[in-house]
């Protein structure tokens, strides 16, 4: 969990390669689907995608951003984009 640019907590799900040396490794920054309105980066299908990337030697970072109707509550634009940028800057 990092501190977002709006002072909120932003959860990052970090999936790292195992058994592939010390790195450095390329990274994929994953912003989940849902049109900035629904869904969560903790959904099983997104976790599976990031796990599969890690198995192939990439670090996969999924950001849990605030959206307009999701589990984090209703948030107006640009809250979700701010969370995505905060994670990327981290």
C-alpha atoms as a PDB file:
ATOM      1  CA  UNK A   1       0.000   0.000   0.000  1.00  0.00           C
ATOM      2  CA  UNK A   2       1.335   3.384  -1.020  1.00  0.00           C
ATOM      3  CA  UNK A   3       0.078   6.902  -0.380  1.00  0.00           C
ATOM      4  CA  UNK A   4      -1.736   8.373  -3.382  1.00  0.00           C
ATOM      5  CA  UNK A   5      -1.381  11.933  -4.627  1.00  0.00           C
ATOM      6  CA  UNK A   6      -4.802  12.698  -3.106  1.00  0.00           C
ATOM      7  CA  UNK A   7      -3.650  11.463   0.327  1.00  0.00           C
ATOM      8  CA  UNK A   8      -5.526   8.153  -0.030  1.00  0.00           C
ATOM      9  CA  UNK A   9      -4.140   4.624   0.235  1.00  0.00           C
ATOM     10  CA  UNK A  10      -3.497   2.866  -3.082  1.00  0.00           C
ATOM     11  CA  UNK A  11      -2.984  -0.896  -3.072  1.00  0.00           C
ATOM     12  CA  UNK A  12      -0.463  -2.333  -5.518  1.00  0.00           C
ATOM     13  CA  UNK A  13      -0.520  -6.060  -6.272  1.00  0.00           C
ATOM     14  CA  UNK A  14       3.072  -6.977  -7.175  1.00  0.00           C
ATOM     15  CA  UNK A  15       3.754 -10.310  -8.863  1.00  0.00           C
ATOM     16  CA  UNK A  16       7.452 -11.140  -9.210  1.00  0.00           C
ATOM     17  CA  UNK A  17       9.327 -13.866 -11.077  1.00  0.00           C
ATOM     18  CA  UNK A  18      10.675 -16.713  -8.955  1.00  0.00           C
ATOM     19  CA  UNK A  19      13.680 -18.868  -9.659  1.00  0.00           C
ATOM     20  CA  UNK A  20      14.901 -16.614 -12.469  1.00  0.00           C
ATOM     21  CA  UNK A  21      17.895 -14.903 -10.908  1.00  0.00           C
ATOM     22  CA  UNK A  22      18.174 -11.527  -9.265  1.00  0.00           C
ATOM     23  CA  UNK A  23      16.958  -9.362 -12.140  1.00  0.00           C
ATOM     24  CA  UNK A  24      16.469  -6.645 -13.119  1.00  0.00           C
ATOM     25  CA  UNK A  25      13.256  -7.726 -14.827  1.00  0.00           C
ATOM     26  CA  UNK A  26      10.959  -5.962 -17.289  1.00  0.00           C
ATOM     27  CA  UNK A  27       7.713  -4.735 -15.798  1.00  0.00           C
ATOM     28  CA  UNK A  28       4.083  -4.606 -16.900  1.00  0.00           C
ATOM     29  CA  UNK A  29       1.922  -2.003 -15.170  1.00  0.00           C
ATOM     30  CA  UNK A  30      -1.634  -3.364 -15.165  1.00  0.00           C
ATOM     31  CA  UNK A  31      -4.688  -1.140 -14.920  1.00  0.00           C
ATOM     32  CA  UNK A  32      -7.726  -3.401 -14.796  1.00  0.00           C
ATOM     33  CA  UNK A  33     -10.788  -3.198 -17.015  1.00  0.00           C
ATOM     34  CA  UNK A  34     -14.206  -1.881 -16.137  1.00  0.00           C
ATOM     35  CA  UNK A  35     -14.166   1.537 -17.789  1.00  0.00           C
ATOM     36  CA  UNK A  36     -13.062   3.296 -14.573  1.00  0.00           C
ATOM     37  CA  UNK A  37     -16.510   2.379 -13.221  1.00  0.00           C
ATOM     38  CA  UNK A  38     -16.447  -1.186 -11.875  1.00  0.00           C
ATOM     39  CA  UNK A  39     -14.243  -4.203 -11.206  1.00  0.00           C
ATOM     40  CA  UNK A  40     -11.153  -4.647  -9.058  1.00  0.00           C
ATOM     41  CA  UNK A  41      -7.546  -5.544  -9.658  1.00  0.00           C
ATOM     42  CA  UNK A  42      -7.994  -8.261  -7.003  1.00  0.00           C
ATOM     43  CA  UNK A  43     -10.439 -10.187  -9.252  1.00  0.00           C
ATOM     44  CA  UNK A  44      -9.244 -13.724  -9.900  1.00  0.00           C
ATOM     45  CA  UNK A  45      -8.946 -13.293 -13.664  1.00  0.00           C
ATOM     46  CA  UNK A  46      -6.619 -10.301 -13.254  1.00  0.00           C
ATOM     47  CA  UNK A  47      -4.555 -12.060 -10.592  1.00  0.00           C
ATOM     48  CA  UNK A  48      -4.162 -15.019 -12.971  1.00  0.00           C
ATOM     49  CA  UNK A  49      -2.937 -12.783 -15.789  1.00  0.00           C
ATOM     50  CA  UNK A  50      -0.317 -11.175 -13.558  1.00  0.00           C
ATOM     51  CA  UNK A  51       0.744 -14.575 -12.197  1.00  0.00           C
ATOM     52  CA  UNK A  52       1.200 -15.812 -15.775  1.00  0.00           C
ATOM     53  CA  UNK A  53       3.349 -12.793 -16.610  1.00  0.00           C
ATOM     54  CA  UNK A  54       5.523 -13.403 -13.544  1.00  0.00           C
ATOM     55  CA  UNK A  55       6.050 -17.039 -14.538  1.00  0.00           C
ATOM     56  CA  UNK A  56       7.349 -15.737 -17.877  1.00  0.00           C
ATOM     57  CA  UNK A  57       9.946 -13.521 -16.202  1.00  0.00           C
ATOM     58  CA  UNK A  58       8.174 -10.191 -15.873  1.00  0.00           C
ATOM     59  CA  UNK A  59       7.266  -8.177 -12.818  1.00  0.00           C
ATOM     60  CA  UNK A  60       3.538  -7.423 -13.010  1.00  0.00           C
ATOM     61  CA  UNK A  61       2.122  -4.593 -10.922  1.00  0.00           C
ATOM     62  CA  UNK A  62      -1.656  -4.195 -10.641  1.00  0.00           C
ATOM     63  CA  UNK A  63      -3.044  -0.952  -9.225  1.00  0.00           C
ATOM     64  CA  UNK A  64      -6.315  -0.860  -7.257  1.00  0.00           C
ATOM     65  CA  UNK A  65      -7.753   2.478  -8.281  1.00  0.00           C
ATOM     66  CA  UNK A  66     -10.873   4.301  -7.149  1.00  0.00           C
ATOM     67  CA  UNK A  67     -13.655   4.140  -9.700  1.00  0.00           C
ATOM     68  CA  UNK A  68     -17.131   5.554 -10.110  1.00  0.00           C
ATOM     69  CA  UNK A  69     -19.097   2.600  -8.711  1.00  0.00           C
ATOM     70  CA  UNK A  70     -16.749  -0.068  -7.388  1.00  0.00           C
ATOM     71  CA  UNK A  71     -15.958  -1.578  -4.012  1.00  0.00           C
ATOM     72  CA  UNK A  72     -13.984   1.503  -2.953  1.00  0.00           C
ATOM     73  CA  UNK A  73     -17.137   3.610  -3.276  1.00  0.00           C
ATOM     74  CA  UNK A  74     -18.206   6.208  -5.808  1.00  0.00           C
ATOM     75  CA  UNK A  75     -15.431   8.582  -6.798  1.00  0.00           C
ATOM     76  CA  UNK A  76     -15.508  11.315  -9.388  1.00  0.00           C
ATOM     77  CA  UNK A  77     -13.030  11.760 -12.208  1.00  0.00           C
ATOM     78  CA  UNK A  78     -10.025  12.034 -12.004  1.00  0.00           C
ATOM     79  CA  UNK A  79      -9.686  10.036  -8.747  1.00  0.00           C
ATOM     80  CA  UNK A  80      -8.974   6.743 -10.524  1.00  0.00           C
ATOM     81  CA  UNK A  81      -6.440   8.300 -12.882  1.00  0.00           C
ATOM     82  CA  UNK A  82      -4.701   9.943  -9.924  1.00  0.00           C
ATOM     83  CA  UNK A  83      -4.397   6.527  -8.251  1.00  0.00           C
ATOM     84  CA  UNK A  84      -3.008   4.983 -11.446  1.00  0.00           C
ATOM     85  CA  UNK A  85      -0.434   7.773 -11.757  1.00  0.00           C
ATOM     86  CA  UNK A  86       0.531   7.456  -8.087  1.00  0.00           C
ATOM     87  CA  UNK A  87       1.242   3.759  -8.568  1.00  0.00           C
ATOM     88  CA  UNK A  88       3.233   4.404 -11.728  1.00  0.00           C
ATOM     89  CA  UNK A  89       5.313   7.087 -10.026  1.00  0.00           C
ATOM     90  CA  UNK A  90       6.044   4.678  -7.171  1.00  0.00           C
END
